[in-house]
Amino acid sequence: MKFILISGPSGSGKTTLSRNILEKIKNGIVLSTDNYYKTGYISKILSIIVDGYFDRGISLNYKLLRKDINFIIKNKSSNYERSYSFKNKDIKKLFKKTKNIKLLIVEGIFARDLIGSIDEKNCFFIELTKNKNECMNRVIKRDFIERGKKKNLAKKDFLKSWDIYYDRFKNKSFKNLYEFTFNKNTDLNELLKNIL
């Protein structure tokens, strides 16, 4: 099984790139780290008192994410997908059977955290780079529509998340790293040829 880890700051196009890759490779599945936040009472409190909680590693339910990854590796299939609600701070399991999986994509701001826990010779790591203002405008629009967040708050949260993201990986290097900017003119066939 091949792995693609897609990381990058909020608004850089990780989810869109993942979907576009799946359109070209039918035997694949995407796990978004956005659906693996911790739940429960403690998480609700921490999301209120910890500045930038959802951009920090302490918010990720790494154990649950690894469990789903291991199941897919072992069975080459998946029985459901997870969906996190920022409003309720909970995860729902949605039935969705996927068989004969040959490609696993993990995308999100925490995708880098999996490096070292996945067999690197089968793993391809994509770091999306994007203009900061482009990312910010995309996030403000998304947060307003999907999360009901006021634009000023969305902007403030974005700027905080941008700094947290780049501070987390300062002075760290990675093997098999492919950095590029994803946009509507990106040649996915060339990218996939490099990966597969």
Foldseek 3Di string as FASTA:
>chain_A
DFEEEEAEAAQQCQVVVVVVVCVVPVQEDEAEQQQFFDADDVLVVCVVVPQLLVLDPVGGPVVVVVVQVVVCVVFVKDQWGWDADPVRRDIDTGGDIHHNHPYYYYYDLCSVVCPPVDDVVRYAYEYEDDDLVSSLVSQLVCCCVPVVDHSVVSNVSSVVSNVSSCVVCPPHDDPNYDYDRDDPPDDVVVVVVVND
